[in-house]
Amino acid sequence: GVRLVGSEMCIRDRDKSSNGNNASQNGSPTIVEGAQNGKSIMRYSGTLGEYHSFNQITDIRTVFWVIRREGVTGLRSLLGDDTFSYFHGGTDNKLFYSSEVSNFNLLRINGLVSAISSSTFSSSFTIISLKSNEALSASNFSKDRSFNDRVWKGDLGELMIFSSELTVSDFEKSEGYLCLLYTSPSPRDGLL
């Protein structure tokens, strides 16, 4: 798997999983120290060509984000790729474009099961957990194919990508871990 911590991406651009799938900065995303529960995050301004790229991962099955979207206009994707649009954001602030919804079999937002076809981005920090039906590809956070204007606008606390469909126990442990790091001490929604 791949684990990118937003606050460390510009400093070291290192994959925390020790797989060596390090990220490369494009444009000028910035670190905002202590922005979320005392944790530093990476802020993306939505400027043309501003994202982080990594070696293409072709076997994605489970992904976790600690994320906040700014604004509701523009197509923003949770993950991007030079060729594929599996994680393409939808219109009307939806997490996924209608043609991509069938790629996934489980979406949880802050620990609660959510409708894949109608869930929308939040303007506050959110833990998004996702399982795919099959192996999917991505090579960046977050630019849509050759569209330099379709980049993330908002904040990223952490991104974890796994090449396996995690067990229920491991899935919930990953969510709980992110909840402990990025939310206030009291349990949030369905987590903890």
Protein backbone atom coordinates (compact mmCIF):
# COMPACT_ATOMS: atom_id res chain seq x y z
CA GLY A 1 0.00 0.00 0.00
CA VAL A 2 0.82 3.68 -0.05
CA ARG A 3 0.52 6.09 2.84
CA LEU A 4 1.04 9.79 2.18
CA VAL A 5 0.80 12.20 5.09
CA GLY A 6 -0.18 15.65 3.84
CA SER A 7 2.10 17.56 6.20
CA GLU A 8 5.15 15.62 5.06
CA MET A 9 4.55 15.55 1.31
CA CYS A 10 6.39 18.80 0.55
CA ILE A 11 9.08 18.15 3.12
CA ARG A 12 10.08 14.65 2.14
CA ASP A 13 7.50 13.53 -0.42
CA ARG A 14 7.86 10.08 1.12
CA ASP A 15 5.54 7.12 0.99
CA LYS A 16 5.11 6.15 4.66
CA SER A 17 4.39 2.50 3.73
CA SER A 18 8.09 1.89 2.95
CA ASN A 19 7.19 0.75 -0.58
CA GLY A 20 9.18 3.61 -2.09
CA ASN A 21 6.22 5.03 -4.02
CA ASN A 22 7.21 8.59 -3.21
CA ALA A 23 5.18 11.60 -4.34
CA SER A 24 6.46 14.48 -6.49
CA GLN A 25 5.12 17.97 -6.00
CA ASN A 26 3.66 19.85 -8.96
CA GLY A 27 2.87 23.53 -8.48
CA SER A 28 2.90 25.01 -4.99
CA PRO A 29 0.67 23.22 -2.48
CA THR A 30 1.52 24.44 1.03
CA ILE A 31 1.78 22.96 4.50
CA VAL A 32 -0.49 24.53 7.11
CA GLU A 33 0.85 23.63 10.55
CA GLY A 34 -1.56 22.63 13.31
CA ALA A 35 -4.61 23.08 11.06
CA GLN A 36 -6.61 20.02 12.10
CA ASN A 37 -6.61 18.72 15.68
CA GLY A 38 -3.04 19.98 16.04
CA LYS A 39 -1.93 18.11 12.92
CA SER A 40 -0.41 19.80 9.91
CA ILE A 41 -2.11 19.36 6.55
CA MET A 42 -1.38 20.01 2.88
CA ARG A 43 -3.40 22.84 1.31
CA TYR A 44 -4.14 22.87 -2.42
CA SER A 45 -5.30 26.20 -3.83
CA GLY A 46 -6.93 24.80 -6.99
CA THR A 47 -4.33 26.58 -9.13
CA LEU A 48 -3.68 25.06 -12.56
CA GLY A 49 -1.29 22.12 -12.37
CA GLU A 50 -1.10 21.97 -8.54
CA TYR A 51 -1.05 18.35 -7.30
CA HIS A 52 1.21 15.51 -6.12
CA SER A 53 2.07 12.65 -8.48
CA PHE A 54 3.39 9.16 -7.76
CA ASN A 55 4.13 5.99 -9.72
CA GLN A 56 0.92 4.59 -11.15
CA ILE A 57 -0.74 2.10 -8.83
CA THR A 58 -2.77 -0.41 -10.83
CA ASP A 59 -4.24 -2.61 -8.09
CA ILE A 60 -6.10 -0.21 -5.77
CA ARG A 61 -8.81 -1.92 -3.68
CA THR A 62 -9.16 0.20 -0.51
CA VAL A 63 -8.52 3.92 0.07
CA PHE A 64 -8.80 6.28 3.05
CA TRP A 65 -8.66 10.08 2.95
CA VAL A 66 -8.71 12.77 5.61
CA ILE A 67 -9.86 15.59 3.42
CA ARG A 68 -11.68 18.92 3.15
CA ARG A 69 -12.97 20.39 -0.08
CA GLU A 70 -13.14 24.14 -0.57
CA GLY A 71 -16.06 25.42 -2.65
CA VAL A 72 -18.57 23.45 -4.66
CA THR A 73 -17.69 24.48 -8.20
CA GLY A 74 -15.41 22.57 -10.55
CA LEU A 75 -14.83 18.88 -11.04
CA ARG A 76 -12.54 17.60 -8.27
CA SER A 77 -11.40 13.99 -8.00
CA LEU A 78 -10.36 12.07 -4.91
CA LEU A 79 -7.52 10.48 -6.91
CA GLY A 80 -6.32 11.15 -10.44
CA ASP A 81 -4.51 9.37 -13.21
CA ASP A 82 -3.02 10.19 -16.60
CA THR A 83 -5.25 7.62 -18.34
CA PHE A 84 -8.16 6.53 -16.13
CA SER A 85 -10.93 8.44 -14.32
CA TYR A 86 -12.02 5.86 -11.73
CA PHE A 87 -12.12 8.41 -8.87
CA HIS A 88 -13.58 11.26 -10.96
CA GLY A 89 -15.68 13.70 -8.95
CA GLY A 90 -19.24 14.33 -10.06
CA THR A 91 -21.34 17.36 -10.78
CA ASP A 92 -23.36 19.04 -8.01
CA ASN A 93 -20.48 18.52 -5.53
CA LYS A 94 -20.89 14.71 -5.63
CA LEU A 95 -17.96 12.52 -4.64
CA PHE A 96 -18.17 10.50 -7.86
CA TYR A 97 -19.22 11.06 -11.44
CA SER A 98 -22.23 8.89 -12.33
CA SER A 99 -20.24 6.68 -14.74
CA GLU A 100 -17.71 5.85 -11.99
CA VAL A 101 -20.15 4.90 -9.19
CA SER A 102 -20.21 1.21 -10.19
CA ASN A 103 -16.46 0.93 -9.45
CA PHE A 104 -17.12 0.83 -5.69
CA ASN A 105 -18.92 -1.45 -3.26
CA LEU A 106 -18.52 0.44 0.03
CA LEU A 107 -18.30 4.11 0.95
CA ARG A 108 -18.13 5.30 4.54
CA ILE A 109 -17.99 8.92 5.59
CA ASN A 110 -16.81 9.48 9.16
CA GLY A 111 -17.44 5.79 9.83
CA LEU A 112 -21.03 5.70 8.56
CA VAL A 113 -22.08 3.84 5.41
CA SER A 114 -23.02 6.38 2.74
CA ALA A 115 -24.70 6.19 -0.67
CA ILE A 116 -21.99 6.02 -3.34
CA SER A 117 -24.17 7.64 -6.00
CA SER A 118 -25.36 10.66 -4.02
CA SER A 119 -22.80 11.49 -1.31
CA THR A 120 -21.28 14.95 -1.55
CA PHE A 121 -18.07 16.62 -0.46
CA SER A 122 -18.04 18.45 2.85
CA SER A 123 -16.51 21.83 3.55
CA SER A 124 -15.19 20.50 6.88
CA PHE A 125 -12.59 17.78 7.44
CA THR A 126 -13.99 14.35 6.67
CA ILE A 127 -12.69 10.81 6.84
CA ILE A 128 -13.67 9.07 3.60
CA SER A 129 -13.22 5.28 3.39
CA LEU A 130 -13.75 3.41 0.14
CA LYS A 131 -13.61 -0.18 -1.17
CA SER A 132 -13.55 -0.95 -4.88
CA ASN A 133 -15.16 -3.85 -6.76
CA GLU A 134 -11.99 -4.51 -8.75
CA ALA A 135 -8.40 -3.33 -9.09
CA LEU A 136 -8.34 0.38 -10.03
CA SER A 137 -5.54 2.73 -11.09
CA ALA A 138 -4.32 6.14 -9.93
CA SER A 139 -1.09 8.11 -10.23
CA ASN A 140 -1.76 11.35 -8.37
CA PHE A 141 -3.61 13.42 -5.82
CA SER A 142 -5.39 14.91 -7.53
CA LYS A 143 -5.42 15.88 -11.21
CA ASP A 144 -7.86 14.52 -13.78
CA ARG A 145 -6.00 13.04 -16.77
CA SER A 146 -4.75 15.88 -19.05
CA PHE A 147 -7.05 18.55 -17.59
CA ASN A 148 -4.72 20.90 -15.70
CA ASP A 149 -7.70 22.87 -14.33
CA ARG A 150 -9.24 19.78 -12.66
CA VAL A 151 -7.09 19.71 -9.55
CA TRP A 152 -7.93 19.55 -5.86
CA LYS A 153 -9.00 22.69 -4.02
CA GLY A 154 -8.95 22.18 -0.28
CA ASP A 155 -6.93 20.27 2.30
CA LEU A 156 -5.45 16.78 2.62
CA GLY A 157 -4.49 15.42 6.02
CA GLU A 158 -3.69 11.87 5.02
CA LEU A 159 -4.14 9.44 2.14
CA MET A 160 -3.80 5.66 2.51
CA ILE A 161 -4.03 3.39 -0.54
CA PHE A 162 -4.13 -0.42 -0.26
CA SER A 163 -3.84 -3.05 -2.97
CA SER A 164 -6.11 -5.43 -1.06
CA GLU A 165 -9.69 -5.29 0.13
CA LEU A 166 -9.12 -4.96 3.87
CA THR A 167 -10.94 -7.18 6.33
CA VAL A 168 -13.74 -5.53 8.30
CA SER A 169 -11.47 -5.41 11.34
CA ASP A 170 -8.53 -3.83 9.49
CA PHE A 171 -10.87 -1.40 7.72
CA GLU A 172 -12.32 -0.23 11.05
CA LYS A 173 -8.86 -0.04 12.64
CA SER A 174 -7.68 2.24 9.83
CA GLU A 175 -10.71 4.49 10.25
CA GLY A 176 -10.23 4.56 14.02
CA TYR A 177 -6.55 5.43 13.63
CA LEU A 178 -7.40 8.39 11.37
CA CYS A 179 -10.18 9.47 13.72
CA LEU A 180 -7.79 9.53 16.69
CA LEU A 181 -5.27 11.59 14.75
CA TYR A 182 -7.51 14.11 13.05
CA THR A 183 -10.64 14.59 15.15
CA SER A 184 -11.25 16.00 18.60
CA PRO A 185 -11.03 13.61 21.57
CA SER A 186 -14.76 12.78 21.50
CA PRO A 187 -15.93 10.11 19.02
CA ARG A 188 -17.13 11.48 15.70
CA ASP A 189 -20.21 10.06 14.01
CA GLY A 190 -19.73 6.29 13.60
CA LEU A 191 -16.02 6.17 14.51
CA LEU A 192 -14.66 4.81 17.79
